[in-house]
Amino acid sequence: MKKLLILFILISFSCESDTKKKSTSSSAPVQKEEKTLKYYPTPENGFSPYDQYFGKGIYNNSTNNEFVIKNSNNTHAVVLLVNAFSGEKIRNEFIRKGSTFSMTGVPNGTYYFEWFSGDDWSPEYKIGNYVGGFQTKASFTKTSDSKDWMKVDGYMQWTITLYSVVGGDVESQSINPEDFFN
């Protein structure tokens, strides 16, 4: 019984001295920084927000190749058309949620897609060293397998959906912003 009482007194003394140390601290109160959303008009379909990083889009209107991109009703997206062999970003196109966009004049080649989706687009929002992005619900995705590459070699059209489709045949994976921008 005495051992238990002494242990209780030691624990009690230790807790009281910790409390006193915390309450006598002279540091200023810490304020939690809250991010304030800035609202801007939503860009139109086909706007290319990252030309300064990837270069102007590459077009060849004589091929008549086209990718029709159907976006979900959940989030907006910036879609990158990527050359599957060189990794070069051929296009970057904004696609509003709930809409369909036709990417025309695609040069002959083999491609896959990466996309940055989210809401509340800001031309000033910083993502690492890059400027322009979604302030909320942001995610980065790409098609994940070479079997999902799409070859176009004249008068071809592919339709891509940026949402889950029951029985769909393309797998995707999350990527980080660095992979998207490099």
N, C-alpha and C. Protein backbone atom coordinates (compact mmCIF):
# COMPACT_ATOMS: atom_id res chain seq x y z
N MET A 1 0.83 -1.19 0.00
CA MET A 1 0.00 0.00 0.00
C MET A 1 0.86 1.25 0.00
N LYS A 2 1.96 1.26 0.79
CA LYS A 2 2.83 2.43 0.83
C LYS A 2 3.52 2.64 -0.51
N LYS A 3 3.91 1.55 -1.17
CA LYS A 3 4.58 1.66 -2.47
C LYS A 3 3.62 2.29 -3.48
N LEU A 4 2.39 1.90 -3.45
CA LEU A 4 1.40 2.42 -4.36
C LEU A 4 1.16 3.90 -4.10
N LEU A 5 1.09 4.31 -2.84
CA LEU A 5 0.86 5.70 -2.47
C LEU A 5 2.04 6.57 -2.89
N ILE A 6 3.25 6.10 -2.71
CA ILE A 6 4.44 6.86 -3.10
C ILE A 6 4.48 7.03 -4.63
N LEU A 7 4.16 5.97 -5.34
CA LEU A 7 4.13 6.03 -6.80
C LEU A 7 3.09 7.05 -7.25
N PHE A 8 1.92 7.08 -6.65
CA PHE A 8 0.87 8.03 -6.99
C PHE A 8 1.33 9.45 -6.71
N ILE A 9 2.02 9.69 -5.62
CA ILE A 9 2.52 11.03 -5.28
C ILE A 9 3.57 11.46 -6.30
N LEU A 10 4.47 10.56 -6.72
CA LEU A 10 5.49 10.90 -7.71
C LEU A 10 4.85 11.24 -9.06
N ILE A 11 3.88 10.47 -9.47
CA ILE A 11 3.20 10.74 -10.73
C ILE A 11 2.47 12.08 -10.65
N SER A 12 1.80 12.33 -9.55
CA SER A 12 1.07 13.56 -9.35
C SER A 12 2.02 14.76 -9.36
N PHE A 13 3.15 14.67 -8.70
CA PHE A 13 4.14 15.75 -8.63
C PHE A 13 4.71 16.02 -10.03
N SER A 14 5.00 14.96 -10.77
CA SER A 14 5.55 15.08 -12.12
C SER A 14 4.57 15.80 -13.05
N CYS A 15 3.30 15.45 -12.97
CA CYS A 15 2.29 16.09 -13.81
C CYS A 15 2.13 17.55 -13.46
N GLU A 16 2.15 17.87 -12.17
CA GLU A 16 2.01 19.26 -11.75
C GLU A 16 3.18 20.11 -12.21
N SER A 17 4.40 19.57 -12.14
CA SER A 17 5.56 20.36 -12.55
C SER A 17 5.57 20.57 -14.07
N ASP A 18 5.09 19.59 -14.86
CA ASP A 18 4.98 19.77 -16.31
C ASP A 18 3.96 20.85 -16.64
N THR A 19 2.85 20.86 -15.91
CA THR A 19 1.80 21.84 -16.13
C THR A 19 2.32 23.24 -15.81
N LYS A 20 3.06 23.35 -14.72
CA LYS A 20 3.61 24.65 -14.34
C LYS A 20 4.59 25.14 -15.40
N LYS A 21 5.41 24.24 -15.95
CA LYS A 21 6.37 24.63 -16.99
C LYS A 21 5.64 25.16 -18.21
N LYS A 22 4.57 24.50 -18.58
CA LYS A 22 3.82 24.92 -19.76
C LYS A 22 3.14 26.25 -19.54
N SER A 23 2.61 26.48 -18.37
CA SER A 23 1.85 27.70 -18.13
C SER A 23 2.75 28.91 -17.91
N THR A 24 4.02 28.72 -17.55
CA THR A 24 4.90 29.85 -17.31
C THR A 24 5.73 30.19 -18.54
N SER A 25 5.49 29.54 -19.64
CA SER A 25 6.22 29.78 -20.87
C SER A 25 5.95 31.19 -21.36
N SER A 26 6.98 31.86 -21.88
CA SER A 26 6.82 33.25 -22.30
C SER A 26 6.62 33.40 -23.81
N SER A 27 6.47 32.27 -24.53
CA SER A 27 6.30 32.38 -25.98
C SER A 27 4.91 32.88 -26.33
N ALA A 28 4.83 33.56 -27.48
CA ALA A 28 3.55 34.10 -27.94
C ALA A 28 2.64 32.95 -28.38
N PRO A 29 1.33 33.13 -28.31
CA PRO A 29 0.41 32.08 -28.74
C PRO A 29 0.60 31.79 -30.25
N VAL A 30 0.51 30.51 -30.60
CA VAL A 30 0.67 30.10 -31.99
C VAL A 30 -0.68 30.20 -32.68
N GLN A 31 -0.70 30.90 -33.81
CA GLN A 31 -1.94 31.03 -34.57
C GLN A 31 -1.86 30.08 -35.76
N LYS A 32 -2.90 29.33 -35.94
CA LYS A 32 -2.96 28.40 -37.06
C LYS A 32 -3.27 29.19 -38.33
N GLU A 33 -2.41 29.00 -39.36
CA GLU A 33 -2.61 29.70 -40.62
C GLU A 33 -3.68 29.00 -41.45
N GLU A 34 -4.67 29.74 -41.87
CA GLU A 34 -5.73 29.18 -42.70
C GLU A 34 -5.56 29.71 -44.12
N LYS A 35 -5.70 28.82 -45.09
CA LYS A 35 -5.62 29.25 -46.48
C LYS A 35 -6.97 29.82 -46.90
N THR A 36 -6.91 30.96 -47.54
CA THR A 36 -8.11 31.59 -48.04
C THR A 36 -8.17 31.36 -49.54
N LEU A 37 -9.30 30.83 -50.00
CA LEU A 37 -9.46 30.60 -51.43
C LEU A 37 -9.64 31.93 -52.14
N LYS A 38 -8.99 32.04 -53.29
CA LYS A 38 -9.20 33.18 -54.17
C LYS A 38 -9.99 32.65 -55.35
N TYR A 39 -11.04 33.34 -55.70
CA TYR A 39 -11.90 32.88 -56.78
C TYR A 39 -11.59 33.63 -58.08
N TYR A 40 -11.48 32.86 -59.13
CA TYR A 40 -11.22 33.38 -60.47
C TYR A 40 -12.23 32.74 -61.42
N PRO A 41 -12.47 33.36 -62.57
CA PRO A 41 -13.35 32.71 -63.55
C PRO A 41 -12.75 31.38 -64.00
N THR A 42 -13.59 30.40 -64.19
CA THR A 42 -13.13 29.09 -64.66
C THR A 42 -12.69 29.22 -66.12
N PRO A 43 -11.48 28.77 -66.45
CA PRO A 43 -11.02 28.85 -67.85
C PRO A 43 -11.94 28.07 -68.78
N GLU A 44 -11.92 28.45 -70.03
CA GLU A 44 -12.70 27.77 -71.06
C GLU A 44 -12.02 26.46 -71.45
N ASN A 45 -12.79 25.53 -72.00
CA ASN A 45 -12.21 24.31 -72.55
C ASN A 45 -11.17 24.69 -73.61
N GLY A 46 -10.05 23.98 -73.59
CA GLY A 46 -9.00 24.22 -74.58
C GLY A 46 -7.95 25.23 -74.14
N PHE A 47 -8.17 25.93 -73.03
CA PHE A 47 -7.16 26.84 -72.51
C PHE A 47 -5.92 26.02 -72.13
N SER A 48 -4.74 26.53 -72.47
CA SER A 48 -3.48 25.81 -72.20
C SER A 48 -2.70 26.55 -71.12
N PRO A 49 -2.93 26.22 -69.86
CA PRO A 49 -2.33 26.99 -68.77
C PRO A 49 -0.83 26.77 -68.57
N TYR A 50 -0.28 25.70 -69.13
CA TYR A 50 1.12 25.38 -68.85
C TYR A 50 2.02 25.47 -70.08
N ASP A 51 1.64 26.29 -71.06
CA ASP A 51 2.50 26.48 -72.23
C ASP A 51 3.89 26.99 -71.82
N GLN A 52 3.95 27.80 -70.78
CA GLN A 52 5.25 28.35 -70.35
C GLN A 52 6.19 27.27 -69.84
N TYR A 53 5.66 26.13 -69.42
CA TYR A 53 6.49 25.03 -68.91
C TYR A 53 6.72 23.95 -69.97
N PHE A 54 5.71 23.66 -70.78
CA PHE A 54 5.80 22.57 -71.74
C PHE A 54 5.99 23.04 -73.18
N GLY A 55 5.86 24.33 -73.42
CA GLY A 55 5.91 24.87 -74.77
C GLY A 55 4.53 24.91 -75.38
N LYS A 56 4.41 25.65 -76.48
CA LYS A 56 3.14 25.72 -77.20
C LYS A 56 2.76 24.33 -77.68
N GLY A 57 1.48 24.08 -77.77
CA GLY A 57 1.01 22.78 -78.25
C GLY A 57 1.51 22.49 -79.65
N ILE A 58 1.71 21.20 -79.93
CA ILE A 58 2.16 20.76 -81.24
C ILE A 58 0.94 20.27 -82.02
N TYR A 59 0.77 20.82 -83.23
CA TYR A 59 -0.40 20.51 -84.06
C TYR A 59 0.05 20.03 -85.43
N ASN A 60 -0.76 19.17 -86.02
CA ASN A 60 -0.62 18.81 -87.43
C ASN A 60 -2.03 18.54 -87.94
N ASN A 61 -2.65 19.60 -88.44
CA ASN A 61 -4.05 19.51 -88.85
C ASN A 61 -4.27 18.62 -90.07
N SER A 62 -3.21 18.29 -90.79
CA SER A 62 -3.39 17.44 -91.98
C SER A 62 -3.61 15.97 -91.63
N THR A 63 -3.34 15.58 -90.36
CA THR A 63 -3.51 14.17 -89.97
C THR A 63 -4.97 13.82 -89.71
N ASN A 64 -5.76 14.81 -89.33
CA ASN A 64 -7.15 14.61 -88.93
C ASN A 64 -7.29 13.64 -87.75
N ASN A 65 -6.24 13.52 -86.94
CA ASN A 65 -6.32 12.71 -85.72
C ASN A 65 -6.98 13.53 -84.62
N GLU A 66 -7.73 12.83 -83.77
CA GLU A 66 -8.49 13.53 -82.74
C GLU A 66 -8.65 12.65 -81.50
N PHE A 67 -8.54 13.30 -80.34
CA PHE A 67 -8.88 12.66 -79.07
C PHE A 67 -10.08 13.40 -78.51
N VAL A 68 -11.18 12.68 -78.28
CA VAL A 68 -12.37 13.25 -77.67
C VAL A 68 -12.31 12.89 -76.19
N ILE A 69 -12.27 13.92 -75.34
CA ILE A 69 -12.09 13.71 -73.91
C ILE A 69 -13.37 14.10 -73.18
N LYS A 70 -13.96 13.12 -72.49
CA LYS A 70 -15.17 13.34 -71.70
C LYS A 70 -14.76 13.46 -70.24
N ASN A 71 -15.06 14.61 -69.66
CA ASN A 71 -14.72 14.84 -68.26
C ASN A 71 -15.94 14.58 -67.38
N SER A 72 -15.69 14.12 -66.17
CA SER A 72 -16.78 13.82 -65.23
C SER A 72 -17.46 15.09 -64.76
N ASN A 73 -18.50 14.90 -64.01
CA ASN A 73 -19.19 16.03 -63.40
C ASN A 73 -18.56 16.41 -62.06
N ASN A 74 -17.47 15.73 -61.66
CA ASN A 74 -16.91 15.94 -60.33
C ASN A 74 -15.89 17.06 -60.25
N THR A 75 -14.92 17.11 -61.16
CA THR A 75 -13.85 18.10 -61.09
C THR A 75 -13.42 18.55 -62.48
N HIS A 76 -12.79 19.71 -62.53
CA HIS A 76 -12.17 20.20 -63.75
C HIS A 76 -10.86 19.43 -63.94
N ALA A 77 -10.24 19.54 -65.12
CA ALA A 77 -8.96 18.86 -65.35
C ALA A 77 -8.10 19.63 -66.34
N VAL A 78 -6.78 19.52 -66.15
CA VAL A 78 -5.82 19.92 -67.16
C VAL A 78 -5.22 18.61 -67.65
N VAL A 79 -5.41 18.34 -68.94
CA VAL A 79 -4.99 17.07 -69.54
C VAL A 79 -3.71 17.29 -70.33
N LEU A 80 -2.75 16.40 -70.11
CA LEU A 80 -1.52 16.41 -70.90
C LEU A 80 -1.54 15.24 -71.87
N LEU A 81 -1.29 15.52 -73.14
CA LEU A 81 -1.08 14.49 -74.14
C LEU A 81 0.43 14.29 -74.21
N VAL A 82 0.88 13.06 -73.91
CA VAL A 82 2.31 12.78 -73.78
C VAL A 82 2.74 11.77 -74.83
N ASN A 83 3.84 12.09 -75.53
CA ASN A 83 4.41 11.14 -76.49
C ASN A 83 4.94 9.96 -75.69
N ALA A 84 4.46 8.77 -75.99
CA ALA A 84 4.78 7.58 -75.20
C ALA A 84 6.25 7.18 -75.29
N PHE A 85 6.92 7.53 -76.37
CA PHE A 85 8.31 7.10 -76.52
C PHE A 85 9.32 8.15 -76.06
N SER A 86 9.02 9.44 -76.30
CA SER A 86 9.97 10.49 -75.90
C SER A 86 9.64 11.10 -74.55
N GLY A 87 8.37 10.96 -74.09
CA GLY A 87 7.94 11.60 -72.84
C GLY A 87 7.61 13.07 -73.01
N GLU A 88 7.72 13.60 -74.25
CA GLU A 88 7.44 15.01 -74.50
C GLU A 88 5.94 15.29 -74.33
N LYS A 89 5.66 16.39 -73.62
CA LYS A 89 4.28 16.84 -73.44
C LYS A 89 3.88 17.58 -74.71
N ILE A 90 2.95 17.02 -75.48
CA ILE A 90 2.53 17.56 -76.76
C ILE A 90 1.48 18.66 -76.60
N ARG A 91 0.57 18.46 -75.65
CA ARG A 91 -0.50 19.44 -75.39
C ARG A 91 -0.81 19.48 -73.90
N ASN A 92 -1.31 20.63 -73.46
CA ASN A 92 -1.92 20.77 -72.13
C ASN A 92 -3.19 21.56 -72.32
N GLU A 93 -4.31 20.94 -71.98
CA GLU A 93 -5.63 21.52 -72.26
C GLU A 93 -6.52 21.48 -71.02
N PHE A 94 -7.14 22.60 -70.70
CA PHE A 94 -8.10 22.67 -69.60
C PHE A 94 -9.43 22.11 -70.10
N ILE A 95 -10.05 21.26 -69.30
CA ILE A 95 -11.37 20.70 -69.65
C ILE A 95 -12.29 20.86 -68.44
N ARG A 96 -13.35 21.59 -68.63
CA ARG A 96 -14.29 21.84 -67.54
C ARG A 96 -15.03 20.57 -67.14
N LYS A 97 -15.40 20.52 -65.87
CA LYS A 97 -16.16 19.36 -65.40
C LYS A 97 -17.51 19.29 -66.11
N GLY A 98 -17.92 18.05 -66.40
CA GLY A 98 -19.21 17.83 -67.05
C GLY A 98 -19.22 18.14 -68.53
N SER A 99 -18.04 18.31 -69.14
CA SER A 99 -18.03 18.66 -70.56
C SER A 99 -17.19 17.67 -71.38
N THR A 100 -17.29 17.82 -72.68
CA THR A 100 -16.52 17.02 -73.62
C THR A 100 -15.69 17.97 -74.47
N PHE A 101 -14.44 17.62 -74.69
CA PHE A 101 -13.52 18.46 -75.46
C PHE A 101 -12.87 17.63 -76.55
N SER A 102 -12.79 18.18 -77.75
CA SER A 102 -12.13 17.50 -78.86
C SER A 102 -10.74 18.10 -79.07
N MET A 103 -9.73 17.29 -78.86
CA MET A 103 -8.34 17.69 -79.10
C MET A 103 -8.03 17.28 -80.54
N THR A 104 -8.00 18.25 -81.43
CA THR A 104 -7.85 17.97 -82.86
C THR A 104 -6.43 18.30 -83.33
N GLY A 105 -6.12 17.89 -84.56
CA GLY A 105 -4.82 18.20 -85.13
C GLY A 105 -3.67 17.51 -84.43
N VAL A 106 -3.93 16.34 -83.88
CA VAL A 106 -2.89 15.60 -83.15
C VAL A 106 -1.92 14.97 -84.16
N PRO A 107 -0.61 15.22 -84.01
CA PRO A 107 0.36 14.61 -84.92
C PRO A 107 0.33 13.08 -84.82
N ASN A 108 0.69 12.42 -85.92
CA ASN A 108 0.80 10.96 -85.87
C ASN A 108 1.78 10.58 -84.77
N GLY A 109 1.48 9.51 -84.05
CA GLY A 109 2.35 9.05 -82.98
C GLY A 109 1.62 8.14 -82.02
N THR A 110 2.30 7.81 -80.94
CA THR A 110 1.75 6.97 -79.89
C THR A 110 1.75 7.77 -78.60
N TYR A 111 0.62 7.80 -77.91
CA TYR A 111 0.43 8.72 -76.78
C TYR A 111 -0.20 8.04 -75.57
N TYR A 112 -0.03 8.71 -74.44
CA TYR A 112 -0.80 8.41 -73.23
C TYR A 112 -1.17 9.74 -72.59
N PHE A 113 -2.03 9.67 -71.59
CA PHE A 113 -2.51 10.88 -70.93
C PHE A 113 -2.08 10.94 -69.47
N GLU A 114 -1.84 12.16 -69.02
CA GLU A 114 -1.71 12.50 -67.61
C GLU A 114 -2.70 13.63 -67.37
N TRP A 115 -3.26 13.72 -66.16
CA TRP A 115 -4.17 14.82 -65.90
C TRP A 115 -4.09 15.24 -64.44
N PHE A 116 -4.31 16.55 -64.28
CA PHE A 116 -4.34 17.22 -62.99
C PHE A 116 -5.78 17.66 -62.82
N SER A 117 -6.47 17.12 -61.83
CA SER A 117 -7.88 17.45 -61.65
C SER A 117 -8.10 18.13 -60.31
N GLY A 118 -9.19 18.89 -60.23
CA GLY A 118 -9.53 19.58 -59.00
C GLY A 118 -10.58 20.66 -59.25
N ASP A 119 -10.74 21.50 -58.27
CA ASP A 119 -11.70 22.61 -58.34
C ASP A 119 -11.01 23.90 -57.92
N ASP A 120 -11.70 25.00 -58.17
CA ASP A 120 -11.25 26.33 -57.77
C ASP A 120 -9.89 26.67 -58.40
N TRP A 121 -9.87 26.74 -59.73
CA TRP A 121 -8.65 27.07 -60.47
C TRP A 121 -8.17 28.48 -60.09
N SER A 122 -6.87 28.60 -59.91
CA SER A 122 -6.25 29.89 -59.67
C SER A 122 -5.02 30.02 -60.55
N PRO A 123 -4.92 31.09 -61.34
CA PRO A 123 -3.72 31.29 -62.15
C PRO A 123 -2.52 31.69 -61.30
N GLU A 124 -2.75 31.96 -60.02
CA GLU A 124 -1.68 32.38 -59.11
C GLU A 124 -1.26 31.29 -58.12
N TYR A 125 -2.00 30.21 -58.05
CA TYR A 125 -1.74 29.15 -57.06
C TYR A 125 -0.40 28.47 -57.37
N LYS A 126 0.45 28.34 -56.36
CA LYS A 126 1.78 27.75 -56.57
C LYS A 126 1.81 26.29 -56.15
N ILE A 127 2.42 25.49 -57.03
CA ILE A 127 2.65 24.07 -56.77
C ILE A 127 4.14 23.86 -56.99
N GLY A 128 4.89 23.88 -55.90
CA GLY A 128 6.34 23.83 -56.04
C GLY A 128 6.83 25.06 -56.79
N ASN A 129 7.56 24.86 -57.88
CA ASN A 129 8.06 25.97 -58.70
C ASN A 129 7.11 26.39 -59.81
N TYR A 130 5.92 25.80 -59.85
CA TYR A 130 4.98 26.04 -60.94
C TYR A 130 3.82 26.90 -60.45
N VAL A 131 3.31 27.72 -61.35
CA VAL A 131 2.23 28.64 -61.00
C VAL A 131 1.00 28.30 -61.83
N GLY A 132 -0.14 28.22 -61.16
CA GLY A 132 -1.41 27.89 -61.78
C GLY A 132 -1.84 26.51 -61.35
N GLY A 133 -3.02 26.42 -60.72
CA GLY A 133 -3.47 25.10 -60.30
C GLY A 133 -4.80 25.15 -59.57
N PHE A 134 -5.23 23.98 -59.17
CA PHE A 134 -6.49 23.84 -58.45
C PHE A 134 -6.23 23.99 -56.95
N GLN A 135 -7.07 24.79 -56.31
CA GLN A 135 -6.92 25.06 -54.89
C GLN A 135 -7.57 23.99 -54.01
N THR A 136 -8.54 23.26 -54.56
CA THR A 136 -9.23 22.24 -53.78
C THR A 136 -9.37 20.96 -54.61
N LYS A 137 -9.51 19.84 -53.92
CA LYS A 137 -9.72 18.51 -54.53
C LYS A 137 -8.65 18.15 -55.56
N ALA A 138 -7.43 18.64 -55.39
CA ALA A 138 -6.38 18.43 -56.39
C ALA A 138 -5.86 16.99 -56.36
N SER A 139 -5.68 16.43 -57.56
CA SER A 139 -5.05 15.10 -57.69
C SER A 139 -4.39 15.01 -59.06
N PHE A 140 -3.37 14.16 -59.14
CA PHE A 140 -2.61 13.95 -60.37
C PHE A 140 -2.70 12.48 -60.74
N THR A 141 -2.96 12.20 -62.01
CA THR A 141 -3.20 10.83 -62.46
C THR A 141 -2.58 10.64 -63.84
N LYS A 142 -2.27 9.38 -64.16
CA LYS A 142 -1.86 9.05 -65.53
C LYS A 142 -2.32 7.64 -65.86
N THR A 143 -2.41 7.37 -67.17
CA THR A 143 -2.68 6.00 -67.58
C THR A 143 -1.45 5.19 -67.21
N SER A 144 -1.65 3.99 -66.71
CA SER A 144 -0.56 3.31 -66.01
C SER A 144 0.17 2.22 -66.77
N ASP A 145 -0.25 1.88 -67.96
CA ASP A 145 0.35 0.72 -68.61
C ASP A 145 0.53 0.97 -70.10
N SER A 146 1.60 0.42 -70.67
CA SER A 146 1.85 0.60 -72.09
C SER A 146 0.76 -0.03 -72.95
N LYS A 147 0.02 -0.98 -72.41
CA LYS A 147 -1.09 -1.55 -73.19
C LYS A 147 -2.22 -0.53 -73.38
N ASP A 148 -2.17 0.58 -72.62
CA ASP A 148 -3.18 1.63 -72.74
C ASP A 148 -2.71 2.79 -73.63
N TRP A 149 -1.52 2.67 -74.23
CA TRP A 149 -1.07 3.71 -75.16
C TRP A 149 -1.99 3.73 -76.37
N MET A 150 -2.12 4.89 -76.97
CA MET A 150 -3.01 5.07 -78.11
C MET A 150 -2.21 5.54 -79.31
N LYS A 151 -2.27 4.78 -80.37
CA LYS A 151 -1.54 5.11 -81.60
C LYS A 151 -2.50 5.76 -82.58
N VAL A 152 -2.05 6.87 -83.18
CA VAL A 152 -2.81 7.53 -84.23
C VAL A 152 -1.89 7.71 -85.43
N ASP A 153 -2.40 7.35 -86.62
CA ASP A 153 -1.57 7.49 -87.82
C ASP A 153 -2.40 7.95 -89.02
N GLY A 154 -3.30 8.87 -88.77
CA GLY A 154 -4.08 9.48 -89.83
C GLY A 154 -5.54 9.10 -89.76
N TYR A 155 -6.39 10.12 -89.69
CA TYR A 155 -7.84 9.97 -89.68
C TYR A 155 -8.32 9.02 -88.57
N MET A 156 -7.71 9.16 -87.39
CA MET A 156 -8.10 8.30 -86.26
C MET A 156 -8.70 9.14 -85.14
N GLN A 157 -9.65 8.51 -84.44
CA GLN A 157 -10.27 9.17 -83.30
C GLN A 157 -10.32 8.21 -82.11
N TRP A 158 -9.90 8.71 -80.96
CA TRP A 158 -10.00 7.96 -79.70
C TRP A 158 -10.90 8.75 -78.78
N THR A 159 -11.70 8.05 -77.98
CA THR A 159 -12.53 8.68 -76.95
C THR A 159 -12.01 8.26 -75.59
N ILE A 160 -11.75 9.25 -74.74
CA ILE A 160 -11.20 9.00 -73.40
C ILE A 160 -12.17 9.58 -72.38
N THR A 161 -12.44 8.84 -71.31
CA THR A 161 -13.28 9.35 -70.23
C THR A 161 -12.41 9.52 -68.99
N LEU A 162 -12.55 10.65 -68.33
CA LEU A 162 -11.77 10.95 -67.14
C LEU A 162 -12.55 10.65 -65.87
N TYR A 163 -13.23 9.53 -65.87
CA TYR A 163 -13.95 9.07 -64.68
C TYR A 163 -14.08 7.57 -64.78
N SER A 164 -14.39 6.95 -63.66
CA SER A 164 -14.49 5.50 -63.63
C SER A 164 -15.67 5.03 -64.47
N VAL A 165 -15.41 4.03 -65.28
CA VAL A 165 -16.44 3.45 -66.13
C VAL A 165 -16.50 1.96 -65.82
N VAL A 166 -17.69 1.47 -65.45
CA VAL A 166 -17.85 0.05 -65.19
C VAL A 166 -17.53 -0.70 -66.48
N GLY A 167 -16.62 -1.64 -66.40
CA GLY A 167 -16.23 -2.40 -67.58
C GLY A 167 -15.22 -1.67 -68.45
N GLY A 168 -14.70 -0.52 -67.95
CA GLY A 168 -13.70 0.22 -68.71
C GLY A 168 -12.43 -0.60 -68.89
N ASP A 169 -11.64 -0.23 -69.89
CA ASP A 169 -10.46 -1.04 -70.20
C ASP A 169 -9.13 -0.32 -70.00
N VAL A 170 -9.13 0.84 -69.36
CA VAL A 170 -7.89 1.57 -69.12
C VAL A 170 -7.67 1.72 -67.62
N GLU A 171 -6.48 1.34 -67.17
CA GLU A 171 -6.14 1.50 -65.76
C GLU A 171 -5.36 2.80 -65.59
N SER A 172 -5.54 3.44 -64.45
CA SER A 172 -4.80 4.67 -64.16
C SER A 172 -4.18 4.56 -62.78
N GLN A 173 -3.21 5.46 -62.54
CA GLN A 173 -2.54 5.47 -61.24
C GLN A 173 -2.30 6.91 -60.82
N SER A 174 -2.26 7.13 -59.51
CA SER A 174 -1.94 8.45 -58.99
C SER A 174 -0.46 8.71 -59.18
N ILE A 175 -0.14 9.97 -59.47
CA ILE A 175 1.26 10.40 -59.56
C ILE A 175 1.42 11.65 -58.72
N ASN A 176 2.65 12.04 -58.45
CA ASN A 176 2.87 13.26 -57.67
C ASN A 176 3.05 14.45 -58.62
N PRO A 177 2.95 15.67 -58.10
CA PRO A 177 3.06 16.85 -58.96
C PRO A 177 4.39 16.91 -59.73
N GLU A 178 5.48 16.47 -59.11
CA GLU A 178 6.78 16.49 -59.78
C GLU A 178 6.76 15.65 -61.05
N ASP A 179 6.14 14.46 -60.98
CA ASP A 179 6.04 13.61 -62.18
C ASP A 179 5.20 14.29 -63.26
N PHE A 180 4.13 14.94 -62.85
CA PHE A 180 3.26 15.62 -63.81
C PHE A 180 3.99 16.75 -64.53
N PHE A 181 4.73 17.57 -63.79
CA PHE A 181 5.36 18.74 -64.37
C PHE A 181 6.71 18.46 -65.03
N ASN A 182 7.25 17.27 -64.85
CA ASN A 182 8.55 16.96 -65.49
C ASN A 182 8.39 16.08 -66.70
